[in-house]
Amino acid sequence: MYAVAGQIAESVTQDCVVVVKSTVPIGTNDKVEAILNAKSKSSIRIRVASNPEFLAQGTAVHDTLHASRIVIGVEERETGELLKKMYQDFDAPILVTNRKSAEMIKYASNDFLALKISYINEIALLCELVGADIDDVTRGMGFDPRIGNKFLQAGIGYGGSCFPKDTKALHWLANFHDYEIKTIKAAIEVNENQKLKPIKIARKYFDSLEGLTIAVLGLTFKPGTDDLREAPSLVNIPIMLDDGAHVKAWDPVGTENFKKRSLGDIKYCDTIEETLDGADLCFIFTEWPEVKNLDISLFSKKMRQAIIIDGRNCYALDRMEQQPVIYHSIGRRTIVNLEP
């Protein structure tokens, strides 16, 4: 970013505003403005505005056109008015604040969502221990407008480019200032542990995975993207291979990226049916529509023994109760309709 700032400074021929959309450590925009004005011609004034984006992978265009809010961080009133004019046709609330507050808004927003995910995953684990149902619990919580029903889907943790990076960045920033945000630290620890939940469940049914044929449905950290960053598949599949399992994997868009990781001898399949064929165990890591809409009778028809560990709670329990399977999801009772 600083290199680009230098290039901009050498190129501009008149006063201008540079808008930084990226999620950056608090104070970065101050440094960018200093670099721009130090390297530009003395007669040119360059002002910097922080205008963080609030986009999710897979829905970026929609999120841009239907923004939940527009945050503008500036140090001069006229710069804020200029950006407000640029966004005047957007049907979204506009907040004009200083640059550091704008930078913090982005981090605080992302980290709060990560907190919600980690919190509900811990509640899901407790639900399993006491016999509660996480789906009913989150439904009941979601009716409260102070809580809302977003980011309360229990599973095997968050991944991608934002939440892992931003929680670690805010944790580091606090430590740099001799302060610790304990909730953020806990969210990071909970998420890392949650990724290993599928393998821990498998150990309940098998002392070792050696010689087993394992079907993996979904490689990316979430549906709608080929992004593998911090995906649970990257943690669990190497353990399966180290144990001596034969891994068959399916993902509609993430396969080529996963191949580049060179994790071991994996058979990549073109269809879910091919992936399930002859498998002793199935892991669901990504809630792709193809997985959620699957004819669930295929598990028992295709697999050697239909033991399903669903890390994304893709199927209703009343549907799985009718199938000759073992179905273990997150925060819900386990369906056991066959001998492991």
Protein backbone atom coordinates (compact mmCIF):
# COMPACT_ATOMS: atom_id res chain seq x y z
CA MET A 1 0.00 0.00 0.00
CA TYR A 2 2.80 2.41 0.88
CA ALA A 3 4.51 1.67 -2.46
CA VAL A 4 1.29 2.46 -4.29
CA ALA A 5 0.97 5.69 -2.31
CA GLY A 6 4.39 6.69 -3.58
CA GLN A 7 3.37 5.95 -7.17
CA ILE A 8 0.21 8.00 -6.80
CA ALA A 9 2.17 10.92 -5.38
CA GLU A 10 4.51 10.89 -8.38
CA SER A 11 1.60 10.77 -10.84
CA VAL A 12 -0.97 13.31 -9.66
CA THR A 13 -0.97 16.75 -11.25
CA GLN A 14 -3.57 18.51 -9.11
CA ASP A 15 -5.14 18.43 -5.66
CA CYS A 16 -7.07 15.22 -5.09
CA VAL A 17 -8.60 12.84 -2.57
CA VAL A 18 -7.29 9.28 -2.25
CA VAL A 19 -9.90 6.87 -0.88
CA VAL A 20 -8.69 3.75 0.90
CA LYS A 21 -11.24 0.92 0.82
CA SER A 22 -9.07 -1.76 2.37
CA THR A 23 -9.26 -3.04 5.93
CA VAL A 24 -6.07 -1.61 7.40
CA PRO A 25 -4.51 -1.35 10.88
CA ILE A 26 -5.59 1.68 12.85
CA GLY A 27 -3.51 4.69 11.83
CA THR A 28 -2.55 3.38 8.38
CA ASN A 29 -4.40 6.12 6.52
CA ASP A 30 -2.50 8.78 8.46
CA LYS A 31 0.75 7.21 7.25
CA VAL A 32 -0.54 6.97 3.69
CA GLU A 33 -1.42 10.67 3.66
CA ALA A 34 1.99 11.58 5.04
CA ILE A 35 3.72 9.58 2.29
CA LEU A 36 1.54 11.08 -0.42
CA ASN A 37 2.22 14.66 0.60
CA ALA A 38 5.91 14.05 1.25
CA LYS A 39 6.45 12.66 -2.24
CA SER A 40 4.09 14.86 -4.24
CA LYS A 41 4.93 18.25 -5.72
CA SER A 42 4.94 20.94 -3.07
CA SER A 43 2.08 22.80 -4.72
CA ILE A 44 -0.26 19.77 -4.67
CA ARG A 45 -2.36 18.79 -1.66
CA ILE A 46 -3.50 15.17 -1.36
CA ARG A 47 -6.10 14.24 1.24
CA VAL A 48 -6.84 10.68 2.30
CA ALA A 49 -10.23 9.26 3.28
CA SER A 50 -10.95 5.91 4.88
CA ASN A 51 -14.03 4.33 3.28
CA PRO A 52 -14.03 0.67 4.36
CA GLU A 53 -16.08 -1.81 2.37
CA PHE A 54 -18.52 -4.19 4.03
CA LEU A 55 -18.69 -6.97 1.46
CA ALA A 56 -19.02 -10.72 1.84
CA GLN A 57 -17.40 -13.17 -0.54
CA GLY A 58 -19.97 -14.46 -2.99
CA THR A 59 -22.31 -11.47 -2.58
CA ALA A 60 -19.99 -8.52 -3.20
CA VAL A 61 -22.01 -6.90 -5.99
CA HIS A 62 -25.25 -7.11 -4.02
CA ASP A 63 -23.54 -5.82 -0.89
CA THR A 64 -22.19 -2.84 -2.84
CA LEU A 65 -25.52 -1.88 -4.38
CA HIS A 66 -27.50 -2.55 -1.21
CA ALA A 67 -25.05 -1.39 1.44
CA SER A 68 -26.05 -1.67 5.09
CA ARG A 69 -24.12 1.55 5.81
CA ILE A 70 -21.47 3.80 4.33
CA VAL A 71 -18.61 4.83 6.60
CA ILE A 72 -16.42 7.77 5.69
CA GLY A 73 -13.35 8.62 7.73
CA VAL A 74 -11.84 12.06 7.09
CA GLU A 75 -9.90 14.78 8.85
CA GLU A 76 -11.39 17.73 6.93
CA ARG A 77 -15.06 18.63 6.60
CA GLU A 78 -14.83 19.36 2.87
CA THR A 79 -13.43 15.89 2.14
CA GLY A 80 -16.36 14.32 3.97
CA GLU A 81 -18.84 16.44 2.03
CA LEU A 82 -17.22 15.38 -1.26
CA LEU A 83 -17.60 11.69 -0.45
CA LYS A 84 -21.14 12.17 0.84
CA LYS A 85 -22.02 13.68 -2.51
CA MET A 86 -20.51 10.67 -4.28
CA TYR A 87 -22.82 8.37 -2.30
CA GLN A 88 -25.91 10.59 -2.40
CA ASP A 89 -27.89 8.17 -4.58
CA PHE A 90 -27.28 5.19 -2.29
CA ASP A 91 -30.14 4.19 -0.02
CA ALA A 92 -27.99 3.61 3.05
CA PRO A 93 -27.13 5.51 6.23
CA ILE A 94 -23.91 7.51 5.96
CA LEU A 95 -21.60 8.03 8.90
CA VAL A 96 -18.83 10.61 8.65
CA THR A 97 -16.18 10.29 11.34
CA ASN A 98 -12.41 10.61 11.69
CA ARG A 99 -10.08 8.20 9.93
CA LYS A 100 -9.08 6.11 12.93
CA SER A 101 -12.69 5.61 13.95
CA ALA A 102 -13.57 4.49 10.42
CA GLU A 103 -10.69 2.02 10.47
CA MET A 104 -11.83 0.71 13.84
CA ILE A 105 -15.46 0.39 12.73
CA LYS A 106 -14.43 -2.17 10.11
CA TYR A 107 -12.36 -4.22 12.54
CA ALA A 108 -14.92 -4.02 15.32
CA SER A 109 -17.71 -5.08 12.95
CA ASN A 110 -15.90 -8.09 11.54
CA ASP A 111 -14.62 -9.20 14.92
CA PHE A 112 -18.07 -8.94 16.48
CA LEU A 113 -19.44 -11.30 13.82
CA ALA A 114 -16.56 -13.68 14.52
CA LEU A 115 -17.46 -13.47 18.21
CA LYS A 116 -21.06 -14.43 17.43
CA ILE A 117 -19.92 -17.47 15.47
CA SER A 118 -17.50 -18.63 18.15
CA TYR A 119 -20.05 -18.02 20.88
CA ILE A 120 -22.77 -20.05 19.21
CA ASN A 121 -20.30 -22.87 18.49
CA GLU A 122 -19.50 -23.07 22.20
CA ILE A 123 -23.21 -23.10 23.01
CA ALA A 124 -23.63 -25.89 20.44
CA LEU A 125 -21.00 -28.01 22.20
CA LEU A 126 -22.79 -27.48 25.50
CA CYS A 127 -26.10 -28.40 23.86
CA GLU A 128 -24.63 -31.76 22.91
CA LEU A 129 -23.57 -32.37 26.50
CA VAL A 130 -26.89 -31.45 28.13
CA GLY A 131 -29.30 -32.69 25.45
CA ALA A 132 -30.50 -29.35 24.08
CA ASP A 133 -30.98 -28.66 20.36
CA ILE A 134 -28.88 -25.84 18.93
CA ASP A 135 -31.36 -25.18 16.11
CA ASP A 136 -34.15 -24.45 18.57
CA VAL A 137 -31.78 -22.46 20.77
CA THR A 138 -30.65 -20.18 17.94
CA ARG A 139 -34.21 -19.81 16.70
CA GLY A 140 -35.30 -18.68 20.12
CA MET A 141 -32.36 -16.30 20.42
CA GLY A 142 -32.96 -14.84 16.97
CA PHE A 143 -36.43 -13.57 17.86
CA ASP A 144 -34.77 -11.03 20.14
CA PRO A 145 -34.10 -7.94 17.99
CA ARG A 146 -31.14 -7.06 20.21
CA ILE A 147 -29.46 -10.31 19.14
CA GLY A 148 -30.85 -11.01 15.67
CA ASN A 149 -30.63 -14.28 13.77
CA LYS A 150 -27.54 -13.63 11.66
CA PHE A 151 -24.25 -15.47 12.24
CA LEU A 152 -25.82 -17.89 14.70
CA GLN A 153 -25.40 -20.98 12.52
CA ALA A 154 -23.48 -23.59 14.49
CA GLY A 155 -20.75 -25.38 12.61
CA ILE A 156 -17.02 -26.01 12.47
CA GLY A 157 -15.76 -22.46 12.56
CA TYR A 158 -15.22 -19.46 10.34
CA GLY A 159 -12.58 -19.13 7.65
CA GLY A 160 -11.82 -16.99 4.63
CA SER A 161 -9.81 -13.83 4.22
CA CYS A 162 -11.51 -11.53 6.73
CA PHE A 163 -12.47 -12.99 10.10
CA PRO A 164 -9.25 -14.91 10.84
CA LYS A 165 -7.05 -12.02 9.72
CA ASP A 166 -9.07 -9.29 11.41
CA THR A 167 -9.43 -11.03 14.77
CA LYS A 168 -5.69 -11.66 14.87
CA ALA A 169 -4.96 -8.08 13.80
CA LEU A 170 -7.10 -6.55 16.53
CA HIS A 171 -5.65 -8.96 19.08
CA TRP A 172 -2.14 -7.92 18.02
CA LEU A 173 -3.02 -4.22 18.08
CA ALA A 174 -4.35 -4.48 21.62
CA ASN A 175 -1.23 -6.34 22.76
CA PHE A 176 0.96 -3.71 21.08
CA HIS A 177 -0.70 -1.15 23.34
CA ASP A 178 -0.24 -3.37 26.41
CA TYR A 179 -3.91 -4.34 26.43
CA GLU A 180 -5.69 -7.62 25.83
CA ILE A 181 -9.18 -8.00 24.38
CA LYS A 182 -10.04 -11.25 26.10
CA THR A 183 -13.17 -11.88 24.04
CA ILE A 184 -11.23 -11.66 20.77
CA LYS A 185 -8.51 -13.94 22.11
CA ALA A 186 -11.17 -16.47 23.13
CA ALA A 187 -12.87 -16.28 19.72
CA ILE A 188 -9.58 -17.11 17.99
CA GLU A 189 -8.95 -20.09 20.29
CA VAL A 190 -12.52 -21.39 20.02
CA ASN A 191 -12.44 -21.19 16.23
CA GLU A 192 -9.17 -23.08 15.92
CA ASN A 193 -10.48 -25.84 18.20
CA GLN A 194 -13.80 -25.99 16.37
CA LYS A 195 -12.11 -26.83 13.07
CA LEU A 196 -10.93 -30.11 14.61
CA LYS A 197 -14.40 -31.08 15.79
CA PRO A 198 -15.08 -33.44 12.81
CA ILE A 199 -11.96 -35.52 13.42
CA LYS A 200 -12.73 -35.68 17.15
CA ILE A 201 -16.22 -36.99 16.34
CA ALA A 202 -14.78 -39.61 13.98
CA ARG A 203 -12.62 -40.95 16.82
CA LYS A 204 -15.82 -41.94 18.60
CA TYR A 205 -16.54 -44.45 15.85
CA PHE A 206 -13.06 -45.51 14.73
CA ASP A 207 -9.89 -46.06 16.75
CA SER A 208 -7.97 -45.33 13.57
CA LEU A 209 -8.86 -44.07 10.11
CA GLU A 210 -6.27 -46.36 8.52
CA GLY A 211 -7.63 -48.17 5.48
CA LEU A 212 -10.97 -46.37 5.54
CA THR A 213 -12.39 -44.72 2.44
CA ILE A 214 -13.50 -41.24 3.42
CA ALA A 215 -15.79 -39.00 1.38
CA VAL A 216 -15.31 -35.25 1.79
CA LEU A 217 -18.08 -32.96 0.59
CA GLY A 218 -16.87 -29.38 0.28
CA LEU A 219 -13.35 -27.97 0.42
CA THR A 220 -13.85 -24.19 0.51
CA PHE A 221 -14.47 -22.26 3.71
CA LYS A 222 -18.02 -21.42 2.60
CA PRO A 223 -20.26 -21.83 -0.47
CA GLY A 224 -20.18 -19.35 -3.32
CA THR A 225 -16.38 -18.98 -3.44
CA ASP A 226 -13.27 -20.95 -4.36
CA ASP A 227 -11.43 -19.46 -1.36
CA LEU A 228 -9.67 -22.04 0.82
CA ARG A 229 -8.09 -19.69 3.33
CA GLU A 230 -8.55 -21.04 6.87
CA ALA A 231 -10.96 -23.70 5.57
CA PRO A 232 -11.59 -26.66 7.93
CA SER A 233 -10.75 -29.03 5.07
CA LEU A 234 -7.12 -27.87 5.23
CA VAL A 235 -6.91 -28.96 8.86
CA ASN A 236 -8.83 -32.22 8.74
CA ILE A 237 -7.79 -33.82 5.45
CA PRO A 238 -4.05 -33.96 6.31
CA ILE A 239 -4.95 -35.78 9.53
CA MET A 240 -6.99 -38.32 7.57
CA LEU A 241 -4.11 -38.89 5.17
CA ASP A 242 -1.58 -39.18 7.99
CA ASP A 243 -3.82 -41.83 9.56
CA GLY A 244 -3.71 -43.83 6.33
CA ALA A 245 -7.21 -43.10 5.04
CA HIS A 246 -8.16 -43.08 1.37
CA VAL A 247 -9.70 -39.66 0.75
CA LYS A 248 -12.20 -38.87 -2.01
CA ALA A 249 -13.17 -35.20 -2.28
CA TRP A 250 -15.77 -33.14 -4.11
CA ASP A 251 -16.22 -29.39 -4.43
CA PRO A 252 -17.93 -27.57 -7.32
CA VAL A 253 -15.33 -24.78 -7.60
CA GLY A 254 -12.56 -25.31 -5.06
CA THR A 255 -10.87 -28.44 -6.38
CA GLU A 256 -8.20 -26.79 -8.53
CA ASN A 257 -7.10 -24.52 -5.69
CA PHE A 258 -7.00 -27.46 -3.32
CA LYS A 259 -4.82 -29.47 -5.71
CA LYS A 260 -2.23 -26.70 -5.56
CA ARG A 261 -1.80 -27.33 -1.84
CA SER A 262 -0.25 -30.76 -2.61
CA LEU A 263 -1.50 -32.24 0.64
CA GLY A 264 -1.26 -35.86 -0.47
CA ASP A 265 -2.89 -38.61 -2.48
CA ILE A 266 -6.51 -37.49 -2.84
CA LYS A 267 -9.03 -38.68 -5.40
CA TYR A 268 -10.99 -35.70 -6.70
CA CYS A 269 -14.49 -36.57 -7.88
CA ASP A 270 -16.80 -34.84 -10.34
CA THR A 271 -20.03 -35.73 -8.54
CA ILE A 272 -21.24 -36.25 -5.01
CA GLU A 273 -22.46 -39.71 -5.94
CA GLU A 274 -18.99 -40.72 -7.10
CA THR A 275 -17.51 -39.34 -3.89
CA LEU A 276 -19.87 -41.33 -1.68
CA ASP A 277 -19.46 -44.58 -3.61
CA GLY A 278 -17.89 -47.22 -1.33
CA ALA A 279 -17.08 -44.77 1.47
CA ASP A 280 -16.94 -45.82 5.12
CA LEU A 281 -17.30 -42.30 6.43
CA CYS A 282 -18.47 -38.94 5.07
CA PHE A 283 -17.45 -35.48 6.23
CA ILE A 284 -19.42 -32.39 5.19
CA PHE A 285 -17.21 -29.30 5.40
CA THR A 286 -19.07 -26.84 3.13
CA GLU A 287 -22.82 -26.29 2.90
CA TRP A 288 -23.00 -26.08 -0.88
CA PRO A 289 -26.59 -26.07 -2.29
CA GLU A 290 -25.77 -29.34 -4.05
CA VAL A 291 -25.08 -30.88 -0.64
CA LYS A 292 -28.08 -29.39 1.12
CA ASN A 293 -30.42 -30.46 -1.68
CA LEU A 294 -28.96 -33.95 -2.03
CA ASP A 295 -31.23 -36.97 -2.07
CA ILE A 296 -30.24 -38.19 1.39
CA SER A 297 -31.05 -41.81 0.53
CA LEU A 298 -27.80 -41.75 -1.50
CA PHE A 299 -25.77 -41.96 1.70
CA SER A 300 -27.01 -45.44 2.53
CA LYS A 301 -27.25 -46.50 -1.13
CA LYS A 302 -23.72 -45.48 -2.08
CA MET A 303 -21.65 -45.77 1.08
CA ARG A 304 -20.29 -49.02 2.49
CA GLN A 305 -21.48 -47.81 5.89
CA ALA A 306 -23.37 -44.53 6.10
CA ILE A 307 -21.62 -42.67 8.91
CA ILE A 308 -22.02 -38.96 8.24
CA ILE A 309 -20.29 -36.19 10.17
CA ASP A 310 -22.00 -32.99 9.13
CA GLY A 311 -19.99 -29.94 10.12
CA ARG A 312 -22.58 -27.54 8.71
CA ASN A 313 -25.91 -29.02 9.93
CA CYS A 314 -27.20 -29.38 6.39
CA TYR A 315 -30.09 -31.77 7.08
CA ALA A 316 -33.15 -31.75 9.30
CA LEU A 317 -33.04 -34.44 11.96
CA ASP A 318 -36.57 -35.68 11.22
CA ARG A 319 -35.46 -36.48 7.66
CA MET A 320 -32.33 -38.29 8.74
CA GLU A 321 -34.29 -40.33 11.29
CA GLN A 322 -35.88 -42.19 8.39
CA GLN A 323 -32.53 -43.28 6.99
CA PRO A 324 -30.28 -46.24 7.93
CA VAL A 325 -27.40 -43.98 8.91
CA ILE A 326 -25.37 -42.59 11.74
CA TYR A 327 -25.74 -38.84 11.42
CA HIS A 328 -23.68 -36.67 13.74
CA SER A 329 -24.12 -32.91 13.36
CA ILE A 330 -23.12 -29.96 15.55
CA GLY A 331 -25.08 -29.15 18.71
CA ARG A 332 -27.87 -31.62 17.97
CA ARG A 333 -28.69 -35.17 18.99
CA THR A 334 -27.03 -37.92 16.99
CA ILE A 335 -29.14 -40.17 14.78
CA VAL A 336 -27.99 -43.78 15.17
CA ASN A 337 -29.88 -46.16 12.90
CA LEU A 338 -27.09 -48.65 12.20
CA GLU A 339 -24.27 -50.37 14.03
CA PRO A 340 -20.93 -48.56 13.59
